Structure formats: C-alpha cells, structure tokens
C-alpha cells in the first residue's frame, strides 16, 4: 500500500467496528480474516481492520450474545473459528444501524447547514 493510500485511511469511531462486524456477518458465517477482508474490500480499502482490534471486538460481541463462534475449516483447509450472527445480534444490528444513521444525519447537518431564509 502506498503512503498516499495510508493517509486516505480513516480511523474508526469507537463502537463502529462492532456495527461493521455485525453487518458483515448478516451475509453469513465468516472467520476473522474473512470479516476483516470483507470490510476492507467493501470500503474500497479505506478501512483497515487490525487483528488487535478485530479479535477483542469479536470476543465482546460473543460476550453480549450478539454472535457465536464454532470451529470449522477455512478455504485453505486450516482450522478456523467461524462467527455467526445470533437472533439477538440481528436485532442489535437494527438498533445500531438506526443509531449510526441518526449520528451521520446530525453530523451532516452541522457540516452542511441549510441556509435560513433571509440569511
């Protein structure tokens, strides 16, 4: 990756990684590396998920009951933990998506205020 691409990457807001993992798992079970790569690919490589952030997030989501883990074999025949969304996690994804959309709307209103009549 070039230095310019590194500068274009965006650091995630706290809590955003949980939302991105839940959304990624909505598509079906995946192992950690596949989750990180899916987020990177879908974001056109703007977001890079480091293992040091991803695995604590996965453990946090398991503890909350939003995902569960089961062992399986990866594409290259290695043992891997596959993570899957639970019904509780699916409901939480809807809640978190609503909160995210509300936050984005509020920030957009601040960054691009509508001009008042007579201004």
N, C-alpha and C. Protein backbone atom coordinates (compact mmCIF):
# COMPACT_ATOMS: atom_id res chain seq x y z
N UNK A 1 0.84 -1.17 0.00
CA UNK A 1 0.00 0.00 0.00
C UNK A 1 0.88 1.24 0.00
N UNK A 2 0.50 2.20 -0.79
CA UNK A 2 1.32 3.41 -0.91
C UNK A 2 1.09 4.34 0.27
N UNK A 3 2.01 5.29 0.44
CA UNK A 3 1.88 6.27 1.51
C UNK A 3 0.62 7.10 1.36
N UNK A 4 0.27 7.42 0.12
CA UNK A 4 -0.95 8.20 -0.12
C UNK A 4 -2.19 7.42 0.33
N UNK A 5 -2.24 6.12 0.02
CA UNK A 5 -3.37 5.31 0.45
C UNK A 5 -3.43 5.24 1.97
N UNK A 6 -2.28 5.14 2.63
CA UNK A 6 -2.25 5.14 4.09
C UNK A 6 -2.87 6.42 4.64
N UNK A 7 -2.55 7.55 4.03
CA UNK A 7 -3.07 8.83 4.51
C UNK A 7 -4.56 8.95 4.29
N UNK A 8 -5.10 8.22 3.29
CA UNK A 8 -6.53 8.30 2.99
C UNK A 8 -7.36 7.39 3.89
N UNK A 9 -6.74 6.50 4.61
CA UNK A 9 -7.48 5.62 5.52
C UNK A 9 -8.11 6.45 6.64
N UNK A 10 -9.20 5.97 7.12
CA UNK A 10 -9.94 6.68 8.15
C UNK A 10 -9.97 5.83 9.41
N UNK A 11 -9.66 6.44 10.54
CA UNK A 11 -9.76 5.70 11.80
C UNK A 11 -11.24 5.55 12.16
N UNK A 12 -11.59 4.38 12.69
CA UNK A 12 -12.97 4.11 13.05
C UNK A 12 -13.34 4.81 14.35
N UNK A 13 -14.55 5.33 14.39
CA UNK A 13 -15.08 5.85 15.64
C UNK A 13 -15.27 4.68 16.60
N UNK A 14 -15.12 4.97 17.88
CA UNK A 14 -15.31 3.92 18.88
C UNK A 14 -16.71 3.31 18.72
N UNK A 15 -16.79 2.00 18.72
CA UNK A 15 -18.07 1.32 18.59
C UNK A 15 -18.46 1.01 17.15
N UNK A 16 -17.83 1.66 16.19
CA UNK A 16 -18.18 1.45 14.79
C UNK A 16 -17.78 0.05 14.33
N UNK A 17 -16.69 -0.47 14.83
CA UNK A 17 -16.23 -1.79 14.42
C UNK A 17 -17.29 -2.85 14.73
N UNK A 18 -17.93 -2.76 15.88
CA UNK A 18 -18.98 -3.72 16.23
C UNK A 18 -20.07 -3.70 15.17
N UNK A 19 -20.50 -2.51 14.76
CA UNK A 19 -21.53 -2.37 13.75
C UNK A 19 -21.09 -2.99 12.43
N UNK A 20 -19.85 -2.74 12.03
CA UNK A 20 -19.34 -3.27 10.77
C UNK A 20 -19.24 -4.79 10.80
N UNK A 21 -18.82 -5.35 11.93
CA UNK A 21 -18.74 -6.81 12.06
C UNK A 21 -20.14 -7.41 11.99
N UNK A 22 -21.09 -6.84 12.72
CA UNK A 22 -22.46 -7.36 12.69
C UNK A 22 -23.02 -7.31 11.27
N UNK A 23 -22.81 -6.20 10.58
CA UNK A 23 -23.31 -6.07 9.21
C UNK A 23 -22.66 -7.10 8.29
N UNK A 24 -21.37 -7.31 8.45
CA UNK A 24 -20.67 -8.29 7.63
C UNK A 24 -21.21 -9.70 7.88
N UNK A 25 -21.49 -10.02 9.14
CA UNK A 25 -21.99 -11.35 9.48
C UNK A 25 -23.46 -11.53 9.09
N UNK A 26 -24.15 -10.44 8.77
CA UNK A 26 -25.53 -10.56 8.30
C UNK A 26 -25.56 -11.38 7.00
N UNK A 27 -24.46 -11.33 6.26
CA UNK A 27 -24.38 -12.06 4.98
C UNK A 27 -24.12 -13.55 5.17
N UNK A 28 -23.72 -13.94 6.39
CA UNK A 28 -23.47 -15.35 6.67
C UNK A 28 -22.23 -15.52 7.53
N UNK A 29 -21.99 -16.74 8.02
CA UNK A 29 -20.84 -17.01 8.89
C UNK A 29 -19.53 -16.71 8.17
N UNK A 30 -18.53 -16.28 8.95
CA UNK A 30 -17.21 -16.00 8.39
C UNK A 30 -16.17 -16.11 9.49
N UNK A 31 -14.94 -16.43 9.10
CA UNK A 31 -13.84 -16.44 10.06
C UNK A 31 -13.26 -15.03 10.14
N UNK A 32 -12.45 -14.79 11.16
CA UNK A 32 -11.94 -13.44 11.43
C UNK A 32 -11.26 -12.78 10.26
N UNK A 33 -10.37 -13.49 9.60
CA UNK A 33 -9.64 -12.92 8.46
C UNK A 33 -10.61 -12.51 7.35
N UNK A 34 -11.61 -13.35 7.10
CA UNK A 34 -12.60 -13.05 6.06
C UNK A 34 -13.43 -11.83 6.43
N UNK A 35 -13.75 -11.67 7.71
CA UNK A 35 -14.50 -10.49 8.16
C UNK A 35 -13.69 -9.22 7.88
N UNK A 36 -12.43 -9.24 8.29
CA UNK A 36 -11.57 -8.07 8.09
C UNK A 36 -11.43 -7.75 6.61
N UNK A 37 -11.20 -8.76 5.78
CA UNK A 37 -11.03 -8.54 4.34
C UNK A 37 -12.32 -8.05 3.70
N UNK A 38 -13.47 -8.54 4.15
CA UNK A 38 -14.75 -8.09 3.60
C UNK A 38 -14.98 -6.61 3.90
N UNK A 39 -14.65 -6.19 5.12
CA UNK A 39 -14.80 -4.78 5.49
C UNK A 39 -13.85 -3.92 4.65
N UNK A 40 -12.62 -4.36 4.51
CA UNK A 40 -11.65 -3.62 3.70
C UNK A 40 -12.11 -3.52 2.25
N UNK A 41 -12.52 -4.64 1.68
CA UNK A 41 -12.93 -4.68 0.27
C UNK A 41 -14.17 -3.80 0.04
N UNK A 42 -15.16 -3.93 0.92
CA UNK A 42 -16.41 -3.19 0.77
C UNK A 42 -16.18 -1.69 0.93
N UNK A 43 -15.20 -1.31 1.73
CA UNK A 43 -14.91 0.12 1.94
C UNK A 43 -13.91 0.65 0.91
N UNK A 44 -13.65 -0.12 -0.14
CA UNK A 44 -12.64 0.25 -1.15
C UNK A 44 -11.28 0.50 -0.49
N UNK A 45 -10.96 -0.32 0.49
CA UNK A 45 -9.67 -0.28 1.21
C UNK A 45 -9.45 0.99 2.01
N UNK A 46 -10.52 1.73 2.30
CA UNK A 46 -10.38 2.91 3.16
C UNK A 46 -10.26 2.47 4.61
N UNK A 47 -11.00 1.44 4.99
CA UNK A 47 -10.96 0.93 6.36
C UNK A 47 -10.09 -0.32 6.41
N UNK A 48 -9.13 -0.32 7.30
CA UNK A 48 -8.28 -1.49 7.50
C UNK A 48 -8.48 -1.96 8.93
N UNK A 49 -8.84 -3.22 9.09
CA UNK A 49 -9.13 -3.77 10.40
C UNK A 49 -7.93 -4.58 10.87
N UNK A 50 -7.32 -4.16 11.95
CA UNK A 50 -6.15 -4.85 12.51
C UNK A 50 -6.63 -5.97 13.44
N UNK A 51 -5.84 -7.05 13.50
CA UNK A 51 -6.19 -8.18 14.37
C UNK A 51 -6.33 -7.73 15.82
N UNK A 52 -5.50 -6.79 16.23
CA UNK A 52 -5.55 -6.31 17.61
C UNK A 52 -6.83 -5.59 17.96
N UNK A 53 -7.58 -5.18 16.95
CA UNK A 53 -8.90 -4.56 17.17
C UNK A 53 -10.02 -5.56 16.91
N UNK A 54 -9.84 -6.38 15.87
CA UNK A 54 -10.91 -7.28 15.45
C UNK A 54 -11.22 -8.34 16.51
N UNK A 55 -10.20 -9.04 16.99
CA UNK A 55 -10.49 -10.16 17.88
C UNK A 55 -11.06 -9.74 19.23
N UNK A 56 -10.61 -8.63 19.83
CA UNK A 56 -11.32 -8.16 21.03
C UNK A 56 -12.78 -7.79 20.73
N UNK A 57 -13.04 -7.23 19.55
CA UNK A 57 -14.43 -6.91 19.18
C UNK A 57 -15.25 -8.18 19.05
N UNK A 58 -14.69 -9.21 18.42
CA UNK A 58 -15.42 -10.47 18.28
C UNK A 58 -15.73 -11.08 19.64
N UNK A 59 -14.75 -11.06 20.55
CA UNK A 59 -14.98 -11.60 21.91
C UNK A 59 -16.03 -10.78 22.64
N UNK A 60 -16.01 -9.47 22.46
CA UNK A 60 -17.01 -8.59 23.09
C UNK A 60 -18.41 -8.92 22.55
N UNK A 61 -18.53 -9.14 21.26
CA UNK A 61 -19.83 -9.45 20.66
C UNK A 61 -20.33 -10.82 21.10
N UNK A 62 -19.42 -11.78 21.28
CA UNK A 62 -19.81 -13.10 21.81
C UNK A 62 -20.33 -12.94 23.23
N UNK A 63 -19.61 -12.18 24.04
CA UNK A 63 -20.00 -11.98 25.45
C UNK A 63 -21.39 -11.35 25.56
N UNK A 64 -21.71 -10.47 24.62
CA UNK A 64 -23.03 -9.81 24.62
C UNK A 64 -24.12 -10.70 24.04
N UNK A 65 -23.73 -11.83 23.46
CA UNK A 65 -24.71 -12.75 22.88
C UNK A 65 -25.17 -12.34 21.50
N UNK A 66 -24.43 -11.47 20.83
CA UNK A 66 -24.82 -10.98 19.50
C UNK A 66 -24.28 -11.87 18.39
N UNK A 67 -23.19 -12.60 18.67
CA UNK A 67 -22.64 -13.57 17.72
C UNK A 67 -22.23 -14.81 18.50
N UNK A 68 -22.00 -15.90 17.79
CA UNK A 68 -21.40 -17.08 18.43
C UNK A 68 -20.32 -17.61 17.50
N UNK A 69 -19.49 -18.47 18.04
CA UNK A 69 -18.34 -19.00 17.31
C UNK A 69 -18.43 -20.51 17.26
N UNK A 70 -18.02 -21.06 16.12
CA UNK A 70 -17.90 -22.53 16.01
C UNK A 70 -16.67 -22.82 15.16
N UNK A 71 -16.05 -23.96 15.41
CA UNK A 71 -14.85 -24.33 14.66
C UNK A 71 -15.22 -24.94 13.33
N UNK A 72 -14.36 -24.68 12.35
CA UNK A 72 -14.55 -25.25 11.03
C UNK A 72 -13.23 -25.20 10.28
N UNK A 73 -13.28 -25.51 8.99
CA UNK A 73 -12.09 -25.46 8.15
C UNK A 73 -12.18 -24.27 7.20
N UNK A 74 -11.09 -23.55 7.06
CA UNK A 74 -11.05 -22.42 6.14
C UNK A 74 -10.89 -22.91 4.71
N UNK A 75 -10.90 -21.95 3.76
CA UNK A 75 -10.75 -22.28 2.34
C UNK A 75 -9.47 -23.06 2.07
N UNK A 76 -8.42 -22.78 2.84
CA UNK A 76 -7.14 -23.47 2.62
C UNK A 76 -6.94 -24.62 3.62
N UNK A 77 -8.06 -25.17 4.09
CA UNK A 77 -8.07 -26.38 4.91
C UNK A 77 -7.40 -26.23 6.27
N UNK A 78 -7.44 -25.05 6.83
CA UNK A 78 -6.92 -24.83 8.18
C UNK A 78 -8.08 -24.68 9.15
N UNK A 79 -7.83 -25.08 10.40
CA UNK A 79 -8.86 -24.88 11.43
C UNK A 79 -9.06 -23.39 11.65
N UNK A 80 -10.31 -23.00 11.77
CA UNK A 80 -10.63 -21.59 11.98
C UNK A 80 -11.91 -21.49 12.80
N UNK A 81 -12.03 -20.38 13.51
CA UNK A 81 -13.28 -20.08 14.21
C UNK A 81 -14.17 -19.31 13.25
N UNK A 82 -15.38 -19.80 13.07
CA UNK A 82 -16.37 -19.10 12.24
C UNK A 82 -17.35 -18.41 13.17
N UNK A 83 -17.64 -17.17 12.85
CA UNK A 83 -18.52 -16.36 13.66
C UNK A 83 -19.84 -16.20 12.92
N UNK A 84 -20.93 -16.23 13.71
CA UNK A 84 -22.25 -16.15 13.12
C UNK A 84 -23.15 -15.26 13.97
N UNK A 85 -23.99 -14.52 13.31
CA UNK A 85 -24.94 -13.63 13.98
C UNK A 85 -26.02 -14.45 14.69
N UNK A 86 -26.38 -14.05 15.89
CA UNK A 86 -27.50 -14.67 16.60
C UNK A 86 -28.76 -13.85 16.33
N UNK A 87 -29.94 -14.38 16.66
CA UNK A 87 -31.15 -13.56 16.52
C UNK A 87 -31.05 -12.25 17.33
N UNK A 88 -30.48 -12.33 18.53
CA UNK A 88 -30.28 -11.13 19.35
C UNK A 88 -29.34 -10.15 18.63
N UNK A 89 -28.30 -10.68 17.98
CA UNK A 89 -27.36 -9.85 17.23
C UNK A 89 -28.02 -9.20 16.03
N UNK A 90 -28.91 -9.91 15.38
CA UNK A 90 -29.65 -9.35 14.23
C UNK A 90 -30.51 -8.17 14.68
N UNK A 91 -31.17 -8.32 15.82
CA UNK A 91 -31.98 -7.21 16.37
C UNK A 91 -31.08 -6.05 16.76
N UNK A 92 -29.92 -6.36 17.37
CA UNK A 92 -29.00 -5.31 17.79
C UNK A 92 -28.42 -4.58 16.58
N UNK A 93 -28.20 -5.29 15.50
CA UNK A 93 -27.72 -4.64 14.28
C UNK A 93 -28.71 -3.58 13.81
N UNK A 94 -30.00 -3.90 13.88
CA UNK A 94 -31.01 -2.91 13.51
C UNK A 94 -30.94 -1.68 14.42
N UNK A 95 -30.77 -1.92 15.72
CA UNK A 95 -30.67 -0.81 16.69
C UNK A 95 -29.43 0.03 16.39
N UNK A 96 -28.29 -0.63 16.22
CA UNK A 96 -27.03 0.08 15.98
C UNK A 96 -27.06 0.83 14.65
N UNK A 97 -27.68 0.24 13.62
CA UNK A 97 -27.80 0.91 12.33
C UNK A 97 -28.64 2.18 12.47
N UNK A 98 -29.72 2.11 13.21
CA UNK A 98 -30.56 3.28 13.44
C UNK A 98 -29.77 4.38 14.17
N UNK A 99 -29.03 3.99 15.20
CA UNK A 99 -28.22 4.96 15.95
C UNK A 99 -27.15 5.58 15.04
N UNK A 100 -26.51 4.77 14.20
CA UNK A 100 -25.48 5.26 13.28
C UNK A 100 -26.08 6.27 12.30
N UNK A 101 -27.24 5.92 11.72
CA UNK A 101 -27.87 6.82 10.75
C UNK A 101 -28.27 8.15 11.40
N UNK A 102 -28.68 8.08 12.64
CA UNK A 102 -29.03 9.30 13.38
C UNK A 102 -27.78 10.17 13.60
N UNK A 103 -26.66 9.53 13.98
CA UNK A 103 -25.40 10.24 14.18
C UNK A 103 -24.92 10.87 12.88
N UNK A 104 -24.94 10.11 11.79
CA UNK A 104 -24.49 10.62 10.49
C UNK A 104 -25.34 11.81 10.07
N UNK A 105 -26.63 11.72 10.26
CA UNK A 105 -27.53 12.83 9.92
C UNK A 105 -27.21 14.08 10.72
N UNK A 106 -26.95 13.90 12.01
CA UNK A 106 -26.64 15.05 12.87
C UNK A 106 -25.33 15.71 12.44
N UNK A 107 -24.33 14.89 12.15
CA UNK A 107 -23.04 15.44 11.71
C UNK A 107 -23.19 16.14 10.37
N UNK A 108 -23.96 15.55 9.46
CA UNK A 108 -24.18 16.17 8.14
C UNK A 108 -24.85 17.53 8.28
N UNK A 109 -25.80 17.63 9.21
CA UNK A 109 -26.48 18.92 9.42
C UNK A 109 -25.51 19.99 9.93
N UNK A 110 -24.54 19.58 10.71
CA UNK A 110 -23.54 20.53 11.21
C UNK A 110 -22.57 20.92 10.11
N UNK A 111 -22.12 19.95 9.33
CA UNK A 111 -21.13 20.21 8.28
C UNK A 111 -21.72 20.95 7.08
N UNK A 112 -23.00 20.72 6.81
CA UNK A 112 -23.65 21.35 5.66
C UNK A 112 -24.97 21.97 6.08
N UNK A 113 -24.90 23.04 6.86
CA UNK A 113 -26.14 23.65 7.36
C UNK A 113 -26.99 24.21 6.21
N UNK A 114 -28.28 24.10 6.37
CA UNK A 114 -29.22 24.67 5.39
C UNK A 114 -29.29 26.16 5.66
N UNK A 115 -29.19 26.96 4.61
CA UNK A 115 -29.28 28.41 4.78
C UNK A 115 -30.70 28.80 5.14
N UNK A 116 -30.83 29.65 6.13
CA UNK A 116 -32.13 30.16 6.57
C UNK A 116 -32.61 31.21 5.57
N UNK A 117 -33.93 31.30 5.40
CA UNK A 117 -34.46 32.36 4.54
C UNK A 117 -34.06 33.71 5.10
N UNK A 118 -33.68 34.62 4.22
CA UNK A 118 -33.30 35.95 4.65
C UNK A 118 -31.87 36.04 5.13
N UNK A 119 -31.13 34.92 5.11
CA UNK A 119 -29.73 34.94 5.55
C UNK A 119 -28.82 35.37 4.45
